[in-house]
Amino acid sequence: MPVVKCPRCGLEVEFHGNEYRPFCSERCKLLDFGAWADEEFSIPSGSDSPNEEEIEAIVRTLKEGSK
């Protein structure tokens, strides 16, 4: 059976038959969920504001649409 490391604590556990996978236990699963809920983790996003090329493309599209 494949063995994986718990992403929370690093304990090695069997992957198949583990109802909390990829975590080793309910505790690690809930701790990880809580960290996401508290915004300790985040997925990086792109720039919040458009760059010059994007602005020009938007303006061109708007001008073409208004003709």
PDB file of N, CA and C in Angstrom:
ATOM      1  N   MET A   1       0.840  -1.189   0.000  1.00  0.00           N
ATOM      2  CA  MET A   1       0.000   0.000   0.000  1.00  0.00           C
ATOM      3  C   MET A   1       0.884   1.251   0.000  1.00  0.00           C
ATOM      4  N   PRO A   2       0.475   2.274  -0.758  1.00  0.00           N
ATOM      5  CA  PRO A   2       1.251   3.512  -0.768  1.00  0.00           C
ATOM      6  C   PRO A   2       1.215   4.205   0.591  1.00  0.00           C
ATOM      7  N   VAL A   3       2.348   4.744   0.968  1.00  0.00           N
ATOM      8  CA  VAL A   3       2.462   5.484   2.223  1.00  0.00           C
ATOM      9  C   VAL A   3       2.760   6.932   1.867  1.00  0.00           C
ATOM     10  N   VAL A   4       2.039   7.865   2.487  1.00  0.00           N
ATOM     11  CA  VAL A   4       2.235   9.291   2.247  1.00  0.00           C
ATOM     12  C   VAL A   4       2.472  10.004   3.572  1.00  0.00           C
ATOM     13  N   LYS A   5       3.096  11.172   3.485  1.00  0.00           N
ATOM     14  CA  LYS A   5       3.301  11.968   4.690  1.00  0.00           C
ATOM     15  C   LYS A   5       2.120  12.914   4.873  1.00  0.00           C
ATOM     16  N   CYS A   6       1.660  13.010   6.090  1.00  0.00           N
ATOM     17  CA  CYS A   6       0.583  13.942   6.425  1.00  0.00           C
ATOM     18  C   CYS A   6       1.094  15.357   6.155  1.00  0.00           C
ATOM     19  N   PRO A   7       0.348  16.162   5.374  1.00  0.00           N
ATOM     20  CA  PRO A   7       0.806  17.508   5.078  1.00  0.00           C
ATOM     21  C   PRO A   7       0.828  18.434   6.291  1.00  0.00           C
ATOM     22  N   ARG A   8       0.178  18.038   7.353  1.00  0.00           N
ATOM     23  CA  ARG A   8       0.127  18.874   8.555  1.00  0.00           C
ATOM     24  C   ARG A   8       1.267  18.564   9.521  1.00  0.00           C
ATOM     25  N   CYS A   9       1.456  17.257   9.850  1.00  0.00           N
ATOM     26  CA  CYS A   9       2.443  16.901  10.875  1.00  0.00           C
ATOM     27  C   CYS A   9       3.623  16.088  10.344  1.00  0.00           C
ATOM     28  N   GLY A  10       3.500  15.553   9.129  1.00  0.00           N
ATOM     29  CA  GLY A  10       4.594  14.790   8.536  1.00  0.00           C
ATOM     30  C   GLY A  10       4.605  13.315   8.872  1.00  0.00           C
ATOM     31  N   LEU A  11       3.651  12.858   9.661  1.00  0.00           N
ATOM     32  CA  LEU A  11       3.566  11.443  10.014  1.00  0.00           C
ATOM     33  C   LEU A  11       3.274  10.621   8.767  1.00  0.00           C
ATOM     34  N   GLU A  12       3.957   9.507   8.592  1.00  0.00           N
ATOM     35  CA  GLU A  12       3.710   8.644   7.441  1.00  0.00           C
ATOM     36  C   GLU A  12       2.520   7.740   7.729  1.00  0.00           C
ATOM     37  N   VAL A  13       1.553   7.740   6.797  1.00  0.00           N
ATOM     38  CA  VAL A  13       0.335   6.943   6.945  1.00  0.00           C
ATOM     39  C   VAL A  13       0.004   6.276   5.624  1.00  0.00           C
ATOM     40  N   GLU A  14      -0.742   5.167   5.701  1.00  0.00           N
ATOM     41  CA  GLU A  14      -1.190   4.491   4.489  1.00  0.00           C
ATOM     42  C   GLU A  14      -2.251   5.348   3.818  1.00  0.00           C
ATOM     43  N   PHE A  15      -2.163   5.449   2.489  1.00  0.00           N
ATOM     44  CA  PHE A  15      -3.103   6.280   1.742  1.00  0.00           C
ATOM     45  C   PHE A  15      -4.466   5.620   1.640  1.00  0.00           C
ATOM     46  N   HIS A  16      -4.491   4.370   1.237  1.00  0.00           N
ATOM     47  CA  HIS A  16      -5.765   3.657   1.053  1.00  0.00           C
ATOM     48  C   HIS A  16      -6.338   3.242   2.395  1.00  0.00           C
ATOM     49  N   GLY A  17      -7.639   3.391   2.534  1.00  0.00           N
ATOM     50  CA  GLY A  17      -8.306   3.004   3.766  1.00  0.00           C
ATOM     51  C   GLY A  17      -8.247   4.060   4.853  1.00  0.00           C
ATOM     52  N   ASN A  18      -7.652   5.208   4.550  1.00  0.00           N
ATOM     53  CA  ASN A  18      -7.550   6.279   5.530  1.00  0.00           C
ATOM     54  C   ASN A  18      -8.645   7.300   5.237  1.00  0.00           C
ATOM     55  N   GLU A  19      -9.644   7.379   6.088  1.00  0.00           N
ATOM     56  CA  GLU A  19     -10.771   8.276   5.830  1.00  0.00           C
ATOM     57  C   GLU A  19     -10.388   9.746   5.927  1.00  0.00           C
ATOM     58  N   TYR A  20      -9.226  10.075   6.466  1.00  0.00           N
ATOM     59  CA  TYR A  20      -8.808  11.468   6.615  1.00  0.00           C
ATOM     60  C   TYR A  20      -7.743  11.869   5.595  1.00  0.00           C
ATOM     61  N   ARG A  21      -7.472  10.989   4.629  1.00  0.00           N
ATOM     62  CA  ARG A  21      -6.389  11.266   3.688  1.00  0.00           C
ATOM     63  C   ARG A  21      -6.581  12.596   2.990  1.00  0.00           C
ATOM     64  N   PRO A  22      -5.559  13.317   2.731  1.00  0.00           N
ATOM     65  CA  PRO A  22      -4.153  12.951   2.883  1.00  0.00           C
ATOM     66  C   PRO A  22      -3.618  13.157   4.297  1.00  0.00           C
ATOM     67  N   PHE A  23      -4.485  13.538   5.231  1.00  0.00           N
ATOM     68  CA  PHE A  23      -4.050  13.748   6.611  1.00  0.00           C
ATOM     69  C   PHE A  23      -4.015  12.432   7.370  1.00  0.00           C
ATOM     70  N   CYS A  24      -3.310  12.427   8.500  1.00  0.00           N
ATOM     71  CA  CYS A  24      -3.190  11.194   9.279  1.00  0.00           C
ATOM     72  C   CYS A  24      -4.365  11.004  10.232  1.00  0.00           C
ATOM     73  N   SER A  25      -5.029  12.094  10.588  1.00  0.00           N
ATOM     74  CA  SER A  25      -6.102  12.010  11.579  1.00  0.00           C
ATOM     75  C   SER A  25      -7.097  13.153  11.387  1.00  0.00           C
ATOM     76  N   GLU A  26      -8.208  13.040  12.079  1.00  0.00           N
ATOM     77  CA  GLU A  26      -9.207  14.101  12.038  1.00  0.00           C
ATOM     78  C   GLU A  26      -8.621  15.392  12.605  1.00  0.00           C
ATOM     79  N   ARG A  27      -7.795  15.263  13.638  1.00  0.00           N
ATOM     80  CA  ARG A  27      -7.181  16.439  14.265  1.00  0.00           C
ATOM     81  C   ARG A  27      -6.373  17.235  13.250  1.00  0.00           C
ATOM     82  N   CYS A  28      -5.491  16.563  12.498  1.00  0.00           N
ATOM     83  CA  CYS A  28      -4.676  17.263  11.502  1.00  0.00           C
ATOM     84  C   CYS A  28      -5.544  17.872  10.404  1.00  0.00           C
ATOM     85  N   LYS A  29      -6.577  17.160  10.021  1.00  0.00           N
ATOM     86  CA  LYS A  29      -7.487  17.667   8.992  1.00  0.00           C
ATOM     87  C   LYS A  29      -8.163  18.947   9.476  1.00  0.00           C
ATOM     88  N   LEU A  30      -8.651  18.964  10.712  1.00  0.00           N
ATOM     89  CA  LEU A  30      -9.333  20.136  11.255  1.00  0.00           C
ATOM     90  C   LEU A  30      -8.372  21.296  11.501  1.00  0.00           C
ATOM     91  N   LEU A  31      -7.152  20.994  11.927  1.00  0.00           N
ATOM     92  CA  LEU A  31      -6.162  22.052  12.120  1.00  0.00           C
ATOM     93  C   LEU A  31      -5.831  22.734  10.793  1.00  0.00           C
ATOM     94  N   ASP A  32      -5.701  21.931   9.739  1.00  0.00           N
ATOM     95  CA  ASP A  32      -5.413  22.484   8.420  1.00  0.00           C
ATOM     96  C   ASP A  32      -6.587  23.325   7.925  1.00  0.00           C
ATOM     97  N   PHE A  33      -7.800  22.816   8.095  1.00  0.00           N
ATOM     98  CA  PHE A  33      -8.990  23.569   7.693  1.00  0.00           C
ATOM     99  C   PHE A  33      -9.073  24.891   8.448  1.00  0.00           C
ATOM    100  N   GLY A  34      -8.778  24.859   9.731  1.00  0.00           N
ATOM    101  CA  GLY A  34      -8.800  26.077  10.543  1.00  0.00           C
ATOM    102  C   GLY A  34      -7.774  27.095  10.073  1.00  0.00           C
ATOM    103  N   ALA A  35      -6.610  26.615   9.656  1.00  0.00           N
ATOM    104  CA  ALA A  35      -5.576  27.528   9.158  1.00  0.00           C
ATOM    105  C   ALA A  35      -6.045  28.227   7.883  1.00  0.00           C
ATOM    106  N   TRP A  36      -6.710  27.468   6.990  1.00  0.00           N
ATOM    107  CA  TRP A  36      -7.264  28.089   5.781  1.00  0.00           C
ATOM    108  C   TRP A  36      -8.355  29.094   6.155  1.00  0.00           C
ATOM    109  N   ALA A  37      -9.224  28.724   7.088  1.00  0.00           N
ATOM    110  CA  ALA A  37     -10.325  29.602   7.497  1.00  0.00           C
ATOM    111  C   ALA A  37      -9.807  30.886   8.144  1.00  0.00           C
ATOM    112  N   ASP A  38      -8.680  30.797   8.840  1.00  0.00           N
ATOM    113  CA  ASP A  38      -8.074  31.967   9.479  1.00  0.00           C
ATOM    114  C   ASP A  38      -7.182  32.741   8.513  1.00  0.00           C
ATOM    115  N   GLU A  39      -7.175  32.318   7.251  1.00  0.00           N
ATOM    116  CA  GLU A  39      -6.399  32.941   6.182  1.00  0.00           C
ATOM    117  C   GLU A  39      -4.888  32.901   6.437  1.00  0.00           C
ATOM    118  N   GLU A  40      -4.420  31.841   7.124  1.00  0.00           N
ATOM    119  CA  GLU A  40      -2.991  31.645   7.294  1.00  0.00           C
ATOM    120  C   GLU A  40      -2.351  31.196   5.983  1.00  0.00           C
ATOM    121  N   PHE A  41      -3.137  30.537   5.155  1.00  0.00           N
ATOM    122  CA  PHE A  41      -2.700  30.096   3.837  1.00  0.00           C
ATOM    123  C   PHE A  41      -3.496  30.874   2.800  1.00  0.00           C
ATOM    124  N   SER A  42      -2.910  31.066   1.646  1.00  0.00           N
ATOM    125  CA  SER A  42      -3.653  31.683   0.554  1.00  0.00           C
ATOM    126  C   SER A  42      -3.048  31.239  -0.761  1.00  0.00           C
ATOM    127  N   ILE A  43      -3.837  31.310  -1.778  1.00  0.00           N
ATOM    128  CA  ILE A  43      -3.371  30.981  -3.115  1.00  0.00           C
ATOM    129  C   ILE A  43      -2.983  32.295  -3.770  1.00  0.00           C
ATOM    130  N   PRO A  44      -1.735  32.420  -4.209  1.00  0.00           N
ATOM    131  CA  PRO A  44      -1.320  33.689  -4.804  1.00  0.00           C
ATOM    132  C   PRO A  44      -2.109  33.992  -6.068  1.00  0.00           C
ATOM    133  N   SER A  45      -2.435  35.237  -6.235  1.00  0.00           N
ATOM    134  CA  SER A  45      -3.168  35.650  -7.428  1.00  0.00           C
ATOM    135  C   SER A  45      -2.282  36.571  -8.251  1.00  0.00           C
ATOM    136  N   GLY A  46      -2.747  36.861  -9.415  1.00  0.00           N
ATOM    137  CA  GLY A  46      -2.019  37.778 -10.275  1.00  0.00           C
ATOM    138  C   GLY A  46      -2.104  39.196  -9.739  1.00  0.00           C
ATOM    139  N   SER A  47      -1.607  40.108 -10.498  1.00  0.00           N
ATOM    140  CA  SER A  47      -1.626  41.510 -10.123  1.00  0.00           C
ATOM    141  C   SER A  47      -3.066  41.986  -9.955  1.00  0.00           C
ATOM    142  N   ASP A  48      -3.286  42.837  -8.986  1.00  0.00           N
ATOM    143  CA  ASP A  48      -4.627  43.368  -8.753  1.00  0.00           C
ATOM    144  C   ASP A  48      -5.030  44.406  -9.792  1.00  0.00           C
ATOM    145  N   SER A  49      -4.054  45.072 -10.358  1.00  0.00           N
ATOM    146  CA  SER A  49      -4.383  46.099 -11.336  1.00  0.00           C
ATOM    147  C   SER A  49      -3.823  45.709 -12.705  1.00  0.00           C
ATOM    148  N   PRO A  50      -4.538  46.098 -13.762  1.00  0.00           N
ATOM    149  CA  PRO A  50      -4.080  45.747 -15.109  1.00  0.00           C
ATOM    150  C   PRO A  50      -2.830  46.544 -15.498  1.00  0.00           C
ATOM    151  N   ASN A  51      -1.993  45.940 -16.343  1.00  0.00           N
ATOM    152  CA  ASN A  51      -0.821  46.663 -16.828  1.00  0.00           C
ATOM    153  C   ASN A  51      -1.215  47.497 -18.043  1.00  0.00           C
ATOM    154  N   GLU A  52      -0.268  48.246 -18.594  1.00  0.00           N
ATOM    155  CA  GLU A  52      -0.554  49.157 -19.717  1.00  0.00           C
ATOM    156  C   GLU A  52      -1.122  48.420 -20.931  1.00  0.00           C
ATOM    157  N   GLU A  53      -0.548  47.267 -21.259  1.00  0.00           N
ATOM    158  CA  GLU A  53      -1.027  46.509 -22.420  1.00  0.00           C
ATOM    159  C   GLU A  53      -2.478  46.079 -22.241  1.00  0.00           C
ATOM    160  N   GLU A  54      -2.823  45.636 -21.042  1.00  0.00           N
ATOM    161  CA  GLU A  54      -4.193  45.215 -20.767  1.00  0.00           C
ATOM    162  C   GLU A  54      -5.159  46.387 -20.848  1.00  0.00           C
ATOM    163  N   ILE A  55      -4.739  47.545 -20.361  1.00  0.00           N
ATOM    164  CA  ILE A  55      -5.589  48.735 -20.414  1.00  0.00           C
ATOM    165  C   ILE A  55      -5.828  49.135 -21.873  1.00  0.00           C
ATOM    166  N   GLU A  56      -4.763  49.124 -22.681  1.00  0.00           N
ATOM    167  CA  GLU A  56      -4.910  49.478 -24.093  1.00  0.00           C
ATOM    168  C   GLU A  56      -5.841  48.509 -24.818  1.00  0.00           C
ATOM    169  N   ALA A  57      -5.741  47.226 -24.514  1.00  0.00           N
ATOM    170  CA  ALA A  57      -6.600  46.230 -25.144  1.00  0.00           C
ATOM    171  C   ALA A  57      -8.065  46.447 -24.748  1.00  0.00           C
ATOM    172  N   ILE A  58      -8.297  46.805 -23.513  1.00  0.00           N
ATOM    173  CA  ILE A  58      -9.660  47.074 -23.044  1.00  0.00           C
ATOM    174  C   ILE A  58     -10.223  48.298 -23.755  1.00  0.00           C
ATOM    175  N   VAL A  59      -9.418  49.355 -23.857  1.00  0.00           N
ATOM    176  CA  VAL A  59      -9.864  50.581 -24.519  1.00  0.00           C
ATOM    177  C   VAL A  59     -10.177  50.302 -25.983  1.00  0.00           C
ATOM    178  N   ARG A  60      -9.314  49.553 -26.676  1.00  0.00           N
ATOM    179  CA  ARG A  60      -9.561  49.205 -28.083  1.00  0.00           C
ATOM    180  C   ARG A  60     -10.866  48.434 -28.227  1.00  0.00           C
ATOM    181  N   THR A  61     -11.064  47.463 -27.352  1.00  0.00           N
ATOM    182  CA  THR A  61     -12.279  46.648 -27.409  1.00  0.00           C
ATOM    183  C   THR A  61     -13.523  47.503 -27.184  1.00  0.00           C
ATOM    184  N   LEU A  62     -13.459  48.413 -26.243  1.00  0.00           N
ATOM    185  CA  LEU A  62     -14.596  49.298 -25.967  1.00  0.00           C
ATOM    186  C   LEU A  62     -14.885  50.211 -27.137  1.00  0.00           C
ATOM    187  N   LYS A  63     -13.825  50.742 -27.762  1.00  0.00           N
ATOM    188  CA  LYS A  63     -14.008  51.620 -28.918  1.00  0.00           C
ATOM    189  C   LYS A  63     -14.618  50.861 -30.093  1.00  0.00           C
ATOM    190  N   GLU A  64     -14.134  49.646 -30.312  1.00  0.00           N
ATOM    191  CA  GLU A  64     -14.649  48.835 -31.424  1.00  0.00           C
ATOM    192  C   GLU A  64     -16.106  48.449 -31.166  1.00  0.00           C
ATOM    193  N   GLY A  65     -16.460  48.224 -29.955  1.00  0.00           N
ATOM    194  CA  GLY A  65     -17.828  47.827 -29.610  1.00  0.00           C
ATOM    195  C   GLY A  65     -18.821  48.968 -29.714  1.00  0.00           C
ATOM    196  N   SER A  66     -18.342  50.212 -29.594  1.00  0.00           N
ATOM    197  CA  SER A  66     -19.245  51.348 -29.647  1.00  0.00           C
ATOM    198  C   SER A  66     -19.474  51.868 -31.058  1.00  0.00           C
ATOM    199  N   LYS A  67     -18.837  51.275 -32.068  1.00  0.00           N
ATOM    200  CA  LYS A  67     -19.007  51.720 -33.459  1.00  0.00           C
ATOM    201  C   LYS A  67     -20.250  51.154 -34.057  1.00  0.00           C
TER     202      LYS A  67
END
